[in-house]
PDB file of N, CA and C in Angstrom:
ATOM      1  N   MET A   1      62.735 139.255  29.958  1.00  0.00           N
ATOM      2  CA  MET A   1      63.676 138.544  29.267  1.00  0.00           C
ATOM      3  C   MET A   1      65.058 139.115  29.625  1.00  0.00           C
ATOM      4  N   PRO A   2      66.044 138.382  29.983  1.00  0.00           N
ATOM      5  CA  PRO A   2      67.457 138.950  30.076  1.00  0.00           C
ATOM      6  C   PRO A   2      68.065 139.382  28.765  1.00  0.00           C
ATOM      7  N   ARG A   3      68.816 140.469  28.888  1.00  0.00           N
ATOM      8  CA  ARG A   3      69.474 141.134  27.738  1.00  0.00           C
ATOM      9  C   ARG A   3      70.960 141.268  28.019  1.00  0.00           C
ATOM     10  N   SER A   4      71.640 141.386  26.773  1.00  0.00           N
ATOM     11  CA  SER A   4      73.081 141.654  26.944  1.00  0.00           C
ATOM     12  C   SER A   4      73.526 142.646  25.878  1.00  0.00           C
ATOM     13  N   THR A   5      74.682 143.261  25.873  1.00  0.00           N
ATOM     14  CA  THR A   5      75.064 144.215  24.908  1.00  0.00           C
ATOM     15  C   THR A   5      76.417 143.665  24.402  1.00  0.00           C
ATOM     16  N   LEU A   6      76.619 143.655  23.013  1.00  0.00           N
ATOM     17  CA  LEU A   6      77.854 143.201  22.431  1.00  0.00           C
ATOM     18  C   LEU A   6      78.812 144.408  22.397  1.00  0.00           C
ATOM     19  N   THR A   7      80.001 144.243  22.896  1.00  0.00           N
ATOM     20  CA  THR A   7      81.049 145.219  22.987  1.00  0.00           C
ATOM     21  C   THR A   7      81.776 145.455  21.785  1.00  0.00           C
ATOM     22  N   SER A   8      82.584 146.412  21.558  1.00  0.00           N
ATOM     23  CA  SER A   8      83.389 146.729  20.433  1.00  0.00           C
ATOM     24  C   SER A   8      84.366 145.561  20.144  1.00  0.00           C
ATOM     25  N   LYS A   9      84.737 144.735  21.126  1.00  0.00           N
ATOM     26  CA  LYS A   9      85.674 143.734  21.006  1.00  0.00           C
ATOM     27  C   LYS A   9      84.856 142.485  20.591  1.00  0.00           C
ATOM     28  N   GLY A  10      83.462 142.460  20.464  1.00  0.00           N
ATOM     29  CA  GLY A  10      82.828 141.306  20.077  1.00  0.00           C
ATOM     30  C   GLY A  10      82.386 140.401  21.397  1.00  0.00           C
ATOM     31  N   GLN A  11      82.434 140.955  22.584  1.00  0.00           N
ATOM     32  CA  GLN A  11      82.227 140.277  23.797  1.00  0.00           C
ATOM     33  C   GLN A  11      80.881 140.590  24.256  1.00  0.00           C
ATOM     34  N   ILE A  12      80.201 139.502  24.997  1.00  0.00           N
ATOM     35  CA  ILE A  12      79.038 139.800  25.650  1.00  0.00           C
ATOM     36  C   ILE A  12      79.165 139.308  27.072  1.00  0.00           C
ATOM     37  N   THR A  13      78.308 139.795  28.139  1.00  0.00           N
ATOM     38  CA  THR A  13      78.146 139.428  29.394  1.00  0.00           C
ATOM     39  C   THR A  13      76.947 138.500  29.426  1.00  0.00           C
ATOM     40  N   ILE A  14      77.022 137.309  29.934  1.00  0.00           N
ATOM     41  CA  ILE A  14      75.817 136.523  29.968  1.00  0.00           C
ATOM     42  C   ILE A  14      75.189 137.018  31.434  1.00  0.00           C
ATOM     43  N   PRO A  15      73.836 137.394  31.352  1.00  0.00           N
ATOM     44  CA  PRO A  15      73.132 137.983  32.589  1.00  0.00           C
ATOM     45  C   PRO A  15      73.307 136.853  33.654  1.00  0.00           C
ATOM     46  N   LYS A  16      73.381 137.373  34.884  1.00  0.00           N
ATOM     47  CA  LYS A  16      73.469 136.595  36.099  1.00  0.00           C
ATOM     48  C   LYS A  16      72.315 135.468  36.051  1.00  0.00           C
ATOM     49  N   GLU A  17      71.085 135.955  35.865  1.00  0.00           N
ATOM     50  CA  GLU A  17      69.915 135.095  35.874  1.00  0.00           C
ATOM     51  C   GLU A  17      70.126 133.957  35.028  1.00  0.00           C
ATOM     52  N   VAL A  18      70.696 134.186  33.717  1.00  0.00           N
ATOM     53  CA  VAL A  18      70.910 133.019  32.866  1.00  0.00           C
ATOM     54  C   VAL A  18      72.080 132.189  33.208  1.00  0.00           C
ATOM     55  N   ARG A  19      73.028 132.731  33.791  1.00  0.00           N
ATOM     56  CA  ARG A  19      74.257 131.866  34.305  1.00  0.00           C
ATOM     57  C   ARG A  19      73.890 131.026  35.358  1.00  0.00           C
ATOM     58  N   ASP A  20      72.956 131.599  36.384  1.00  0.00           N
ATOM     59  CA  ASP A  20      72.577 130.810  37.454  1.00  0.00           C
ATOM     60  C   ASP A  20      71.576 129.577  36.991  1.00  0.00           C
ATOM     61  N   GLN A  21      70.628 129.918  36.008  1.00  0.00           N
ATOM     62  CA  GLN A  21      69.841 128.886  35.530  1.00  0.00           C
ATOM     63  C   GLN A  21      70.572 127.759  34.784  1.00  0.00           C
ATOM     64  N   MET A  22      71.601 128.218  33.987  1.00  0.00           N
ATOM     65  CA  MET A  22      72.402 127.112  33.143  1.00  0.00           C
ATOM     66  C   MET A  22      73.505 126.544  34.122  1.00  0.00           C
ATOM     67  N   GLY A  23      73.724 127.086  35.281  1.00  0.00           N
ATOM     68  CA  GLY A  23      74.663 126.430  36.177  1.00  0.00           C
ATOM     69  C   GLY A  23      76.080 126.827  35.621  1.00  0.00           C
ATOM     70  N   LEU A  24      76.238 127.971  35.065  1.00  0.00           N
ATOM     71  CA  LEU A  24      77.676 128.396  34.410  1.00  0.00           C
ATOM     72  C   LEU A  24      78.447 129.040  35.507  1.00  0.00           C
ATOM     73  N   LYS A  25      79.747 128.703  35.502  1.00  0.00           N
ATOM     74  CA  LYS A  25      80.746 129.254  36.434  1.00  0.00           C
ATOM     75  C   LYS A  25      81.841 129.853  35.645  1.00  0.00           C
ATOM     76  N   PRO A  26      82.718 130.710  36.187  1.00  0.00           N
ATOM     77  CA  PRO A  26      83.927 131.144  35.490  1.00  0.00           C
ATOM     78  C   PRO A  26      84.731 129.976  34.902  1.00  0.00           C
ATOM     79  N   GLY A  27      85.117 130.100  33.633  1.00  0.00           N
ATOM     80  CA  GLY A  27      86.039 129.217  33.128  1.00  0.00           C
ATOM     81  C   GLY A  27      85.273 128.141  32.325  1.00  0.00           C
ATOM     82  N   ASP A  28      83.800 128.109  32.401  1.00  0.00           N
ATOM     83  CA  ASP A  28      83.109 127.199  31.645  1.00  0.00           C
ATOM     84  C   ASP A  28      83.173 127.668  30.247  1.00  0.00           C
ATOM     85  N   ARG A  29      83.105 126.517  29.362  1.00  0.00           N
ATOM     86  CA  ARG A  29      83.055 126.834  27.845  1.00  0.00           C
ATOM     87  C   ARG A  29      81.553 126.682  27.511  1.00  0.00           C
ATOM     88  N   ILE A  30      81.355 127.336  26.348  1.00  0.00           N
ATOM     89  CA  ILE A  30      80.042 127.479  25.729  1.00  0.00           C
ATOM     90  C   ILE A  30      79.955 127.125  24.347  1.00  0.00           C
ATOM     91  N   ASP A  31      79.010 126.385  23.813  1.00  0.00           N
ATOM     92  CA  ASP A  31      78.845 126.192  22.376  1.00  0.00           C
ATOM     93  C   ASP A  31      77.825 127.106  21.840  1.00  0.00           C
ATOM     94  N   PHE A  32      77.924 127.675  20.710  1.00  0.00           N
ATOM     95  CA  PHE A  32      76.935 128.249  19.943  1.00  0.00           C
ATOM     96  C   PHE A  32      76.378 127.455  18.970  1.00  0.00           C
ATOM     97  N   VAL A  33      75.079 127.111  18.902  1.00  0.00           N
ATOM     98  CA  VAL A  33      74.517 126.153  18.115  1.00  0.00           C
ATOM     99  C   VAL A  33      73.496 126.709  17.133  1.00  0.00           C
ATOM    100  N   LYS A  34      73.882 126.648  15.964  1.00  0.00           N
ATOM    101  CA  LYS A  34      72.918 127.247  14.868  1.00  0.00           C
ATOM    102  C   LYS A  34      71.635 126.407  14.577  1.00  0.00           C
ATOM    103  N   GLY A  35      70.509 126.994  14.657  1.00  0.00           N
ATOM    104  CA  GLY A  35      69.214 126.212  14.402  1.00  0.00           C
ATOM    105  C   GLY A  35      68.864 126.220  13.050  1.00  0.00           C
ATOM    106  N   ARG A  36      67.897 125.508  12.655  1.00  0.00           N
ATOM    107  CA  ARG A  36      67.342 125.321  11.291  1.00  0.00           C
ATOM    108  C   ARG A  36      66.936 126.697  10.705  1.00  0.00           C
ATOM    109  N   THR A  37      66.332 127.527  11.525  1.00  0.00           N
ATOM    110  CA  THR A  37      65.795 128.729  11.162  1.00  0.00           C
ATOM    111  C   THR A  37      66.856 129.898  11.179  1.00  0.00           C
ATOM    112  N   GLY A  38      67.996 129.566  11.516  1.00  0.00           N
ATOM    113  CA  GLY A  38      69.103 130.570  11.394  1.00  0.00           C
ATOM    114  C   GLY A  38      69.482 131.187  12.719  1.00  0.00           C
ATOM    115  N   GLY A  39      68.461 131.093  13.734  1.00  0.00           N
ATOM    116  CA  GLY A  39      68.772 131.548  15.184  1.00  0.00           C
ATOM    117  C   GLY A  39      69.955 130.713  15.781  1.00  0.00           C
ATOM    118  N   PHE A  40      70.331 131.094  16.811  1.00  0.00           N
ATOM    119  CA  PHE A  40      71.535 130.467  17.709  1.00  0.00           C
ATOM    120  C   PHE A  40      70.911 130.286  19.065  1.00  0.00           C
ATOM    121  N   SER A  41      71.358 129.178  19.625  1.00  0.00           N
ATOM    122  CA  SER A  41      71.251 128.854  21.034  1.00  0.00           C
ATOM    123  C   SER A  41      72.595 128.651  21.625  1.00  0.00           C
ATOM    124  N   ILE A  42      72.642 128.756  22.985  1.00  0.00           N
ATOM    125  CA  ILE A  42      73.866 128.570  23.595  1.00  0.00           C
ATOM    126  C   ILE A  42      73.743 127.256  24.534  1.00  0.00           C
ATOM    127  N   ARG A  43      74.838 126.527  24.696  1.00  0.00           N
ATOM    128  CA  ARG A  43      74.766 125.405  25.671  1.00  0.00           C
ATOM    129  C   ARG A  43      76.225 125.201  26.250  1.00  0.00           C
ATOM    130  N   PRO A  44      76.256 124.995  27.560  1.00  0.00           N
ATOM    131  CA  PRO A  44      77.479 124.717  28.215  1.00  0.00           C
ATOM    132  C   PRO A  44      78.162 123.484  27.663  1.00  0.00           C
ATOM    133  N   ILE A  45      79.501 123.444  27.577  1.00  0.00           N
ATOM    134  CA  ILE A  45      80.214 122.374  27.131  1.00  0.00           C
ATOM    135  C   ILE A  45      80.643 121.471  28.248  1.00  0.00           C
ATOM    136  N   ASN A  46      80.954 122.157  29.294  1.00  0.00           N
ATOM    137  CA  ASN A  46      81.428 121.383  30.572  1.00  0.00           C
ATOM    138  C   ASN A  46      80.339 120.629  31.227  1.00  0.00           C
ATOM    139  N   THR A  47      80.613 119.457  31.481  1.00  0.00           N
ATOM    140  CA  THR A  47      79.759 118.613  32.321  1.00  0.00           C
ATOM    141  C   THR A  47      80.351 118.113  33.558  1.00  0.00           C
ATOM    142  N   ASP A  48      79.678 118.428  34.635  1.00  0.00           N
ATOM    143  CA  ASP A  48      80.125 117.885  35.861  1.00  0.00           C
ATOM    144  C   ASP A  48      80.094 116.237  35.923  1.00  0.00           C
ATOM    145  N   PHE A  49      81.221 115.815  36.104  1.00  0.00           N
ATOM    146  CA  PHE A  49      81.271 114.364  36.041  1.00  0.00           C
ATOM    147  C   PHE A  49      80.305 113.471  36.846  1.00  0.00           C
ATOM    148  N   ARG A  50      79.847 114.177  37.894  1.00  0.00           N
ATOM    149  CA  ARG A  50      78.884 113.613  38.762  1.00  0.00           C
ATOM    150  C   ARG A  50      77.593 113.471  38.138  1.00  0.00           C
ATOM    151  N   SER A  51      77.272 114.175  37.075  1.00  0.00           N
ATOM    152  CA  SER A  51      76.077 114.036  36.369  1.00  0.00           C
ATOM    153  C   SER A  51      76.123 112.812  35.462  1.00  0.00           C
ATOM    154  N   LEU A  52      77.162 112.238  35.289  1.00  0.00           N
ATOM    155  CA  LEU A  52      77.339 110.986  34.264  1.00  0.00           C
ATOM    156  C   LEU A  52      77.028 109.667  35.190  1.00  0.00           C
ATOM    157  N   ARG A  53      76.794 109.868  36.562  1.00  0.00           N
ATOM    158  CA  ARG A  53      76.682 108.702  37.332  1.00  0.00           C
ATOM    159  C   ARG A  53      75.390 107.886  36.773  1.00  0.00           C
ATOM    160  N   GLY A  54      75.679 106.504  36.608  1.00  0.00           N
ATOM    161  CA  GLY A  54      74.476 105.622  36.278  1.00  0.00           C
ATOM    162  C   GLY A  54      74.384 105.571  34.827  1.00  0.00           C
ATOM    163  N   ILE A  55      75.085 106.368  33.961  1.00  0.00           N
ATOM    164  CA  ILE A  55      74.877 106.327  32.542  1.00  0.00           C
ATOM    165  C   ILE A  55      75.344 105.093  31.930  1.00  0.00           C
ATOM    166  N   ILE A  56      76.182 104.316  32.509  1.00  0.00           N
ATOM    167  CA  ILE A  56      76.750 103.007  32.054  1.00  0.00           C
ATOM    168  C   ILE A  56      76.358 101.966  33.036  1.00  0.00           C
ATOM    169  N   LYS A  57      75.470 100.917  32.682  1.00  0.00           N
ATOM    170  CA  LYS A  57      75.168 100.054  33.548  1.00  0.00           C
ATOM    171  C   LYS A  57      76.000  98.688  33.557  1.00  0.00           C
ATOM    172  N   SER A  58      76.264  98.198  34.642  1.00  0.00           N
ATOM    173  CA  SER A  58      76.958  97.016  34.839  1.00  0.00           C
ATOM    174  C   SER A  58      76.371  95.881  34.161  1.00  0.00           C
ATOM    175  N   PRO A  59      77.121  95.025  33.512  1.00  0.00           N
ATOM    176  CA  PRO A  59      76.487  93.780  32.857  1.00  0.00           C
ATOM    177  C   PRO A  59      75.960  92.729  33.982  1.00  0.00           C
ATOM    178  N   LEU A  60      76.479  92.992  35.074  1.00  0.00           N
ATOM    179  CA  LEU A  60      76.066  92.100  36.261  1.00  0.00           C
ATOM    180  C   LEU A  60      74.678  92.538  36.873  1.00  0.00           C
ATOM    181  N   GLY A  61      74.266  93.734  36.540  1.00  0.00           N
ATOM    182  CA  GLY A  61      73.008  94.255  37.069  1.00  0.00           C
ATOM    183  C   GLY A  61      73.201  94.904  38.515  1.00  0.00           C
ATOM    184  N   ARG A  62      74.417  95.021  38.918  1.00  0.00           N
ATOM    185  CA  ARG A  62      74.758  95.582  40.203  1.00  0.00           C
ATOM    186  C   ARG A  62      76.121  96.224  40.037  1.00  0.00           C
ATOM    187  N   PRO A  63      76.404  97.112  41.196  1.00  0.00           N
ATOM    188  CA  PRO A  63      77.678  97.692  41.111  1.00  0.00           C
ATOM    189  C   PRO A  63      78.870  96.568  41.220  1.00  0.00           C
ATOM    190  N   ILE A  64      79.966  97.006  40.499  1.00  0.00           N
ATOM    191  CA  ILE A  64      81.160  96.026  40.674  1.00  0.00           C
ATOM    192  C   ILE A  64      82.035  96.412  41.796  1.00  0.00           C
ATOM    193  N   THR A  65      82.466  95.373  42.504  1.00  0.00           N
ATOM    194  CA  THR A  65      83.262  95.618  43.684  1.00  0.00           C
ATOM    195  C   THR A  65      84.705  95.983  43.221  1.00  0.00           C
ATOM    196  N   ILE A  66      85.404  96.487  44.243  1.00  0.00           N
ATOM    197  CA  ILE A  66      86.867  96.796  44.028  1.00  0.00           C
ATOM    198  C   ILE A  66      87.575  95.569  43.682  1.00  0.00           C
ATOM    199  N   GLU A  67      87.372  94.432  44.348  1.00  0.00           N
ATOM    200  CA  GLU A  67      87.984  93.101  44.103  1.00  0.00           C
ATOM    201  C   GLU A  67      87.833  92.679  42.820  1.00  0.00           C
ATOM    202  N   GLU A  68      86.405  92.771  42.250  1.00  0.00           N
ATOM    203  CA  GLU A  68      86.165  92.478  40.849  1.00  0.00           C
ATOM    204  C   GLU A  68      86.935  93.244  39.781  1.00  0.00           C
ATOM    205  N   MET A  69      87.031  94.562  40.243  1.00  0.00           N
ATOM    206  CA  MET A  69      87.921  95.438  39.268  1.00  0.00           C
ATOM    207  C   MET A  69      89.399  94.940  39.252  1.00  0.00           C
ATOM    208  N   ASP A  70      89.877  94.630  40.428  1.00  0.00           N
ATOM    209  CA  ASP A  70      91.245  94.236  40.589  1.00  0.00           C
ATOM    210  C   ASP A  70      91.567  92.940  39.733  1.00  0.00           C
ATOM    211  N   GLU A  71      90.554  91.989  39.869  1.00  0.00           N
ATOM    212  CA  GLU A  71      90.712  90.815  39.111  1.00  0.00           C
ATOM    213  C   GLU A  71      90.634  91.043  37.597  1.00  0.00           C
ATOM    214  N   ALA A  72      89.759  91.908  37.276  1.00  0.00           N
ATOM    215  CA  ALA A  72      89.654  92.082  35.761  1.00  0.00           C
ATOM    216  C   ALA A  72      90.985  92.931  35.214  1.00  0.00           C
ATOM    217  N   ILE A  73      91.598  93.656  36.077  1.00  0.00           N
ATOM    218  CA  ILE A  73      92.768  94.390  35.726  1.00  0.00           C
ATOM    219  C   ILE A  73      93.796  93.326  35.620  1.00  0.00           C
ATOM    220  N   ALA A  74      93.947  92.412  36.548  1.00  0.00           N
ATOM    221  CA  ALA A  74      94.992  91.359  36.632  1.00  0.00           C
ATOM    222  C   ALA A  74      94.770  90.494  35.401  1.00  0.00           C
ATOM    223  N   ARG A  75      93.546  89.979  35.018  1.00  0.00           N
ATOM    224  CA  ARG A  75      93.442  89.177  33.883  1.00  0.00           C
ATOM    225  C   ARG A  75      93.888  89.891  32.556  1.00  0.00           C
ATOM    226  N   GLY A  76      93.484  91.185  32.581  1.00  0.00           N
ATOM    227  CA  GLY A  76      93.912  92.012  31.344  1.00  0.00           C
ATOM    228  C   GLY A  76      95.308  92.062  31.187  1.00  0.00           C
ATOM    229  N   ALA A  77      96.115  92.229  32.327  1.00  0.00           N
ATOM    230  CA  ALA A  77      97.554  92.363  32.331  1.00  0.00           C
ATOM    231  C   ALA A  77      98.081  91.038  31.848  1.00  0.00           C
ATOM    232  N   LEU A  78      97.459  89.888  32.088  1.00  0.00           N
ATOM    233  CA  LEU A  78      97.926  88.560  31.725  1.00  0.00           C
ATOM    234  C   LEU A  78      97.602  88.211  30.268  1.00  0.00           C
ATOM    235  N   GLY A  79      96.759  89.138  29.688  1.00  0.00           N
ATOM    236  CA  GLY A  79      96.358  88.839  28.327  1.00  0.00           C
ATOM    237  C   GLY A  79      95.108  87.961  28.185  1.00  0.00           C
ATOM    238  N   GLU A  80      94.404  87.681  29.192  1.00  0.00           N
ATOM    239  CA  GLU A  80      93.227  86.841  29.222  1.00  0.00           C
ATOM    240  C   GLU A  80      92.030  87.524  28.709  1.00  0.00           C
TER     241      GLU A  80
END
């Protein structure tokens, strides 16, 4: 099991094995989540936008074309 040591400034280094498995990179933010039993777990806050692909489905059941997007924007600008 990977381990780390708390410094006098309250900092820890997340072991490379854990960073790699969690996909953490320099600058990523981390949440500390308290569990019901009092223990803590960590989870990354940053989400790669590519992982969100497909999360919202088109009401048409297919991808929307650029032309359809342009038409919707034009209708919105006209207040329709």
